[in-house]
PDB file of N, CA and C in Angstrom:
ATOM      1  N   UNK A   1    -116.107 -18.228   0.619  1.00  0.00           N
ATOM      2  CA  UNK A   1    -115.486 -17.855  -0.631  1.00  0.00           C
ATOM      3  C   UNK A   1    -115.840 -16.409  -0.944  1.00  0.00           C
ATOM      4  N   UNK A   2    -114.851 -15.642  -1.312  1.00  0.00           N
ATOM      5  CA  UNK A   2    -115.091 -14.251  -1.673  1.00  0.00           C
ATOM      6  C   UNK A   2    -115.486 -14.163  -3.141  1.00  0.00           C
ATOM      7  N   UNK A   3    -116.278 -13.141  -3.433  1.00  0.00           N
ATOM      8  CA  UNK A   3    -116.713 -12.936  -4.818  1.00  0.00           C
ATOM      9  C   UNK A   3    -116.553 -11.468  -5.204  1.00  0.00           C
ATOM     10  N   UNK A   4    -116.605 -11.232  -6.484  1.00  0.00           N
ATOM     11  CA  UNK A   4    -116.587  -9.864  -7.020  1.00  0.00           C
ATOM     12  C   UNK A   4    -117.970  -9.483  -7.553  1.00  0.00           C
ATOM     13  N   UNK A   5    -118.982 -10.195  -7.099  1.00  0.00           N
ATOM     14  CA  UNK A   5    -120.333  -9.962  -7.625  1.00  0.00           C
ATOM     15  C   UNK A   5    -120.786  -8.525  -7.372  1.00  0.00           C
ATOM     16  N   UNK A   6    -120.630  -8.060  -6.155  1.00  0.00           N
ATOM     17  CA  UNK A   6    -121.081  -6.703  -5.830  1.00  0.00           C
ATOM     18  C   UNK A   6    -120.340  -5.671  -6.687  1.00  0.00           C
ATOM     19  N   UNK A   7    -119.048  -5.830  -6.817  1.00  0.00           N
ATOM     20  CA  UNK A   7    -118.238  -4.921  -7.628  1.00  0.00           C
ATOM     21  C   UNK A   7    -118.703  -4.946  -9.091  1.00  0.00           C
ATOM     22  N   UNK A   8    -118.923  -6.123  -9.626  1.00  0.00           N
ATOM     23  CA  UNK A   8    -119.379  -6.253 -11.014  1.00  0.00           C
ATOM     24  C   UNK A   8    -120.776  -5.670 -11.206  1.00  0.00           C
ATOM     25  N   UNK A   9    -121.632  -5.865 -10.216  1.00  0.00           N
ATOM     26  CA  UNK A   9    -122.986  -5.288 -10.294  1.00  0.00           C
ATOM     27  C   UNK A   9    -122.919  -3.779 -10.379  1.00  0.00           C
ATOM     28  N   UNK A  10    -122.086  -3.182  -9.526  1.00  0.00           N
ATOM     29  CA  UNK A  10    -122.005  -1.720  -9.483  1.00  0.00           C
ATOM     30  C   UNK A  10    -121.424  -1.153 -10.773  1.00  0.00           C
ATOM     31  N   UNK A  11    -120.393  -1.795 -11.296  1.00  0.00           N
ATOM     32  CA  UNK A  11    -119.791  -1.350 -12.553  1.00  0.00           C
ATOM     33  C   UNK A  11    -120.800  -1.419 -13.688  1.00  0.00           C
ATOM     34  N   UNK A  12    -121.619  -2.466 -13.676  1.00  0.00           N
ATOM     35  CA  UNK A  12    -122.610  -2.674 -14.728  1.00  0.00           C
ATOM     36  C   UNK A  12    -123.977  -2.073 -14.417  1.00  0.00           C
ATOM     37  N   UNK A  13    -124.070  -1.387 -13.272  1.00  0.00           N
ATOM     38  CA  UNK A  13    -125.309  -0.720 -12.845  1.00  0.00           C
ATOM     39  C   UNK A  13    -126.495  -1.682 -12.839  1.00  0.00           C
ATOM     40  N   UNK A  14    -126.290  -2.816 -12.161  1.00  0.00           N
ATOM     41  CA  UNK A  14    -127.325  -3.846 -12.035  1.00  0.00           C
ATOM     42  C   UNK A  14    -127.665  -3.988 -10.555  1.00  0.00           C
ATOM     43  N   UNK A  15    -128.933  -3.948 -10.214  1.00  0.00           N
ATOM     44  CA  UNK A  15    -129.339  -4.108  -8.817  1.00  0.00           C
ATOM     45  C   UNK A  15    -129.313  -5.588  -8.435  1.00  0.00           C
ATOM     46  N   UNK A  16    -129.343  -5.839  -7.132  1.00  0.00           N
ATOM     47  CA  UNK A  16    -129.408  -7.221  -6.653  1.00  0.00           C
ATOM     48  C   UNK A  16    -130.661  -7.900  -7.192  1.00  0.00           C
ATOM     49  N   UNK A  17    -131.769  -7.191  -7.187  1.00  0.00           N
ATOM     50  CA  UNK A  17    -133.036  -7.754  -7.659  1.00  0.00           C
ATOM     51  C   UNK A  17    -132.977  -8.073  -9.149  1.00  0.00           C
ATOM     52  N   UNK A  18    -132.387  -7.183  -9.947  1.00  0.00           N
ATOM     53  CA  UNK A  18    -132.278  -7.422 -11.386  1.00  0.00           C
ATOM     54  C   UNK A  18    -131.416  -8.650 -11.672  1.00  0.00           C
ATOM     55  N   UNK A  19    -130.292  -8.754 -10.962  1.00  0.00           N
ATOM     56  CA  UNK A  19    -129.404  -9.899 -11.147  1.00  0.00           C
ATOM     57  C   UNK A  19    -130.115 -11.188 -10.734  1.00  0.00           C
ATOM     58  N   UNK A  20    -130.801 -11.142  -9.607  1.00  0.00           N
ATOM     59  CA  UNK A  20    -131.538 -12.310  -9.127  1.00  0.00           C
ATOM     60  C   UNK A  20    -132.570 -12.762 -10.163  1.00  0.00           C
ATOM     61  N   UNK A  21    -133.300 -11.811 -10.733  1.00  0.00           N
ATOM     62  CA  UNK A  21    -134.297 -12.140 -11.753  1.00  0.00           C
ATOM     63  C   UNK A  21    -133.656 -12.802 -12.972  1.00  0.00           C
ATOM     64  N   UNK A  22    -132.529 -12.262 -13.415  1.00  0.00           N
ATOM     65  CA  UNK A  22    -131.836 -12.816 -14.583  1.00  0.00           C
ATOM     66  C   UNK A  22    -131.359 -14.250 -14.343  1.00  0.00           C
ATOM     67  N   UNK A  23    -130.989 -14.544 -13.098  1.00  0.00           N
ATOM     68  CA  UNK A  23    -130.420 -15.849 -12.762  1.00  0.00           C
ATOM     69  C   UNK A  23    -131.454 -16.825 -12.195  1.00  0.00           C
ATOM     70  N   UNK A  24    -132.700 -16.361 -12.069  1.00  0.00           N
ATOM     71  CA  UNK A  24    -133.775 -17.173 -11.494  1.00  0.00           C
ATOM     72  C   UNK A  24    -133.469 -17.640 -10.074  1.00  0.00           C
ATOM     73  N   UNK A  25    -132.943 -16.713  -9.266  1.00  0.00           N
ATOM     74  CA  UNK A  25    -132.726 -16.957  -7.837  1.00  0.00           C
ATOM     75  C   UNK A  25    -133.362 -15.799  -7.074  1.00  0.00           C
ATOM     76  N   UNK A  26    -133.353 -15.881  -5.761  1.00  0.00           N
ATOM     77  CA  UNK A  26    -133.917 -14.795  -4.959  1.00  0.00           C
ATOM     78  C   UNK A  26    -132.869 -13.717  -4.715  1.00  0.00           C
ATOM     79  N   UNK A  27    -133.348 -12.548  -4.388  1.00  0.00           N
ATOM     80  CA  UNK A  27    -132.441 -11.453  -4.023  1.00  0.00           C
ATOM     81  C   UNK A  27    -131.625 -11.851  -2.803  1.00  0.00           C
ATOM     82  N   UNK A  28    -132.225 -12.602  -1.903  1.00  0.00           N
ATOM     83  CA  UNK A  28    -131.529 -13.066  -0.690  1.00  0.00           C
ATOM     84  C   UNK A  28    -130.322 -13.928  -1.059  1.00  0.00           C
ATOM     85  N   UNK A  29    -130.435 -14.711  -2.117  1.00  0.00           N
ATOM     86  CA  UNK A  29    -129.306 -15.530  -2.579  1.00  0.00           C
ATOM     87  C   UNK A  29    -128.156 -14.628  -3.013  1.00  0.00           C
ATOM     88  N   UNK A  30    -128.457 -13.573  -3.746  1.00  0.00           N
ATOM     89  CA  UNK A  30    -127.416 -12.635  -4.197  1.00  0.00           C
ATOM     90  C   UNK A  30    -126.765 -11.970  -2.999  1.00  0.00           C
ATOM     91  N   UNK A  31    -127.575 -11.537  -2.035  1.00  0.00           N
ATOM     92  CA  UNK A  31    -127.037 -10.913  -0.816  1.00  0.00           C
ATOM     93  C   UNK A  31    -126.102 -11.878  -0.101  1.00  0.00           C
ATOM     94  N   UNK A  32    -126.530 -13.113   0.062  1.00  0.00           N
ATOM     95  CA  UNK A  32    -125.720 -14.122   0.753  1.00  0.00           C
ATOM     96  C   UNK A  32    -124.415 -14.407   0.014  1.00  0.00           C
ATOM     97  N   UNK A  33    -124.472 -14.458  -1.300  1.00  0.00           N
ATOM     98  CA  UNK A  33    -123.258 -14.660  -2.091  1.00  0.00           C
ATOM     99  C   UNK A  33    -122.288 -13.500  -1.903  1.00  0.00           C
ATOM    100  N   UNK A  34    -122.813 -12.285  -1.951  1.00  0.00           N
ATOM    101  CA  UNK A  34    -121.961 -11.100  -1.812  1.00  0.00           C
ATOM    102  C   UNK A  34    -121.314 -11.017  -0.436  1.00  0.00           C
ATOM    103  N   UNK A  35    -122.014 -11.472   0.576  1.00  0.00           N
ATOM    104  CA  UNK A  35    -121.479 -11.408   1.947  1.00  0.00           C
ATOM    105  C   UNK A  35    -120.656 -12.638   2.321  1.00  0.00           C
ATOM    106  N   UNK A  36    -120.560 -13.605   1.400  1.00  0.00           N
ATOM    107  CA  UNK A  36    -119.767 -14.795   1.663  1.00  0.00           C
ATOM    108  C   UNK A  36    -120.419 -15.795   2.595  1.00  0.00           C
ATOM    109  N   UNK A  37    -121.729 -15.683   2.776  1.00  0.00           N
ATOM    110  CA  UNK A  37    -122.453 -16.614   3.648  1.00  0.00           C
ATOM    111  C   UNK A  37    -122.945 -17.842   2.905  1.00  0.00           C
ATOM    112  N   UNK A  38    -122.810 -17.820   1.589  1.00  0.00           N
ATOM    113  CA  UNK A  38    -123.325 -18.912   0.759  1.00  0.00           C
ATOM    114  C   UNK A  38    -122.367 -19.111  -0.406  1.00  0.00           C
ATOM    115  N   UNK A  39    -122.034 -20.354  -0.693  1.00  0.00           N
ATOM    116  CA  UNK A  39    -121.203 -20.676  -1.850  1.00  0.00           C
ATOM    117  C   UNK A  39    -122.101 -21.145  -2.987  1.00  0.00           C
ATOM    118  N   UNK A  40    -121.911 -20.556  -4.128  1.00  0.00           N
ATOM    119  CA  UNK A  40    -122.728 -20.893  -5.281  1.00  0.00           C
ATOM    120  C   UNK A  40    -122.429 -22.303  -5.771  1.00  0.00           C
ATOM    121  N   UNK A  41    -123.458 -22.944  -6.292  1.00  0.00           N
ATOM    122  CA  UNK A  41    -123.252 -24.228  -6.973  1.00  0.00           C
ATOM    123  C   UNK A  41    -122.447 -23.931  -8.237  1.00  0.00           C
ATOM    124  N   UNK A  42    -121.877 -24.959  -8.814  1.00  0.00           N
ATOM    125  CA  UNK A  42    -121.117 -24.784 -10.042  1.00  0.00           C
ATOM    126  C   UNK A  42    -121.999 -24.206 -11.145  1.00  0.00           C
ATOM    127  N   UNK A  43    -123.226 -24.684 -11.212  1.00  0.00           N
ATOM    128  CA  UNK A  43    -124.163 -24.187 -12.226  1.00  0.00           C
ATOM    129  C   UNK A  43    -124.435 -22.696 -12.040  1.00  0.00           C
ATOM    130  N   UNK A  44    -124.697 -22.280 -10.806  1.00  0.00           N
ATOM    131  CA  UNK A  44    -124.972 -20.870 -10.539  1.00  0.00           C
ATOM    132  C   UNK A  44    -123.723 -20.026 -10.770  1.00  0.00           C
ATOM    133  N   UNK A  45    -122.574 -20.513 -10.365  1.00  0.00           N
ATOM    134  CA  UNK A  45    -121.318 -19.785 -10.591  1.00  0.00           C
ATOM    135  C   UNK A  45    -121.104 -19.552 -12.086  1.00  0.00           C
ATOM    136  N   UNK A  46    -121.380 -20.571 -12.885  1.00  0.00           N
ATOM    137  CA  UNK A  46    -121.246 -20.454 -14.336  1.00  0.00           C
ATOM    138  C   UNK A  46    -122.208 -19.394 -14.885  1.00  0.00           C
ATOM    139  N   UNK A  47    -123.449 -19.427 -14.423  1.00  0.00           N
ATOM    140  CA  UNK A  47    -124.448 -18.456 -14.895  1.00  0.00           C
ATOM    141  C   UNK A  47    -124.043 -17.024 -14.541  1.00  0.00           C
ATOM    142  N   UNK A  48    -123.538 -16.831 -13.326  1.00  0.00           N
ATOM    143  CA  UNK A  48    -123.115 -15.492 -12.892  1.00  0.00           C
ATOM    144  C   UNK A  48    -121.948 -15.015 -13.750  1.00  0.00           C
ATOM    145  N   UNK A  49    -120.953 -15.872 -13.911  1.00  0.00           N
ATOM    146  CA  UNK A  49    -119.780 -15.498 -14.707  1.00  0.00           C
ATOM    147  C   UNK A  49    -120.188 -15.171 -16.144  1.00  0.00           C
ATOM    148  N   UNK A  50    -121.038 -16.000 -16.724  1.00  0.00           N
ATOM    149  CA  UNK A  50    -121.496 -15.785 -18.094  1.00  0.00           C
ATOM    150  C   UNK A  50    -122.268 -14.469 -18.208  1.00  0.00           C
ATOM    151  N   UNK A  51    -123.102 -14.172 -17.218  1.00  0.00           N
ATOM    152  CA  UNK A  51    -123.885 -12.930 -17.226  1.00  0.00           C
ATOM    153  C   UNK A  51    -122.972 -11.710 -17.329  1.00  0.00           C
ATOM    154  N   UNK A  52    -121.866 -11.739 -16.596  1.00  0.00           N
ATOM    155  CA  UNK A  52    -120.948 -10.594 -16.580  1.00  0.00           C
ATOM    156  C   UNK A  52    -119.852 -10.699 -17.644  1.00  0.00           C
ATOM    157  N   UNK A  53    -119.847 -11.767 -18.444  1.00  0.00           N
ATOM    158  CA  UNK A  53    -118.834 -11.929 -19.475  1.00  0.00           C
ATOM    159  C   UNK A  53    -117.452 -12.210 -18.904  1.00  0.00           C
ATOM    160  N   UNK A  54    -117.414 -12.919 -17.791  1.00  0.00           N
ATOM    161  CA  UNK A  54    -116.164 -13.243 -17.095  1.00  0.00           C
ATOM    162  C   UNK A  54    -116.022 -14.748 -16.956  1.00  0.00           C
ATOM    163  N   UNK A  55    -114.845 -15.184 -16.522  1.00  0.00           N
ATOM    164  CA  UNK A  55    -114.672 -16.591 -16.176  1.00  0.00           C
ATOM    165  C   UNK A  55    -115.076 -16.762 -14.717  1.00  0.00           C
ATOM    166  N   UNK A  56    -115.335 -17.992 -14.328  1.00  0.00           N
ATOM    167  CA  UNK A  56    -115.677 -18.264 -12.928  1.00  0.00           C
ATOM    168  C   UNK A  56    -114.558 -17.778 -12.016  1.00  0.00           C
ATOM    169  N   UNK A  57    -113.300 -17.991 -12.422  1.00  0.00           N
ATOM    170  CA  UNK A  57    -112.154 -17.587 -11.609  1.00  0.00           C
ATOM    171  C   UNK A  57    -112.057 -16.075 -11.448  1.00  0.00           C
ATOM    172  N   UNK A  58    -112.601 -15.316 -12.393  1.00  0.00           N
ATOM    173  CA  UNK A  58    -112.582 -13.855 -12.296  1.00  0.00           C
ATOM    174  C   UNK A  58    -113.656 -13.339 -11.338  1.00  0.00           C
ATOM    175  N   UNK A  59    -114.681 -14.123 -11.108  1.00  0.00           N
ATOM    176  CA  UNK A  59    -115.790 -13.703 -10.245  1.00  0.00           C
ATOM    177  C   UNK A  59    -115.648 -14.258  -8.828  1.00  0.00           C
ATOM    178  N   UNK A  60    -115.208 -15.507  -8.735  1.00  0.00           N
ATOM    179  CA  UNK A  60    -115.113 -16.183  -7.437  1.00  0.00           C
ATOM    180  C   UNK A  60    -113.650 -16.374  -7.062  1.00  0.00           C
ATOM    181  N   UNK A  61    -113.295 -15.900  -5.863  1.00  0.00           N
ATOM    182  CA  UNK A  61    -111.913 -15.962  -5.411  1.00  0.00           C
ATOM    183  C   UNK A  61    -111.766 -17.067  -4.389  1.00  0.00           C
ATOM    184  N   UNK A  62    -111.133 -18.156  -4.801  1.00  0.00           N
ATOM    185  CA  UNK A  62    -110.958 -19.310  -3.925  1.00  0.00           C
ATOM    186  C   UNK A  62    -109.773 -19.084  -3.006  1.00  0.00           C
ATOM    187  N   UNK A  63    -110.017 -19.260  -1.708  1.00  0.00           N
ATOM    188  CA  UNK A  63    -108.952 -19.145  -0.706  1.00  0.00           C
ATOM    189  C   UNK A  63    -108.972 -20.391   0.162  1.00  0.00           C
ATOM    190  N   UNK A  64    -107.835 -21.069   0.245  1.00  0.00           N
ATOM    191  CA  UNK A  64    -107.752 -22.243   1.102  1.00  0.00           C
ATOM    192  C   UNK A  64    -107.719 -21.799   2.550  1.00  0.00           C
ATOM    193  N   UNK A  65    -108.392 -22.569   3.389  1.00  0.00           N
ATOM    194  CA  UNK A  65    -108.426 -22.210   4.814  1.00  0.00           C
ATOM    195  C   UNK A  65    -107.318 -22.901   5.560  1.00  0.00           C
TER     196      UNK A  65
END
């Protein structure tokens, strides 16, 4: 699943480490999400979207395979 996390971080001038701290996850989790190697749980997706003031659909781009 593709995400706009990296783009949103850069616009908001938030580092991977800062975002990870805010969400109580590791920096590695943020890296994996940004690279599409890990799909966020619904709870984590909600927290990320809420952090950036977006909907889940605005942050996570679902593509059928």
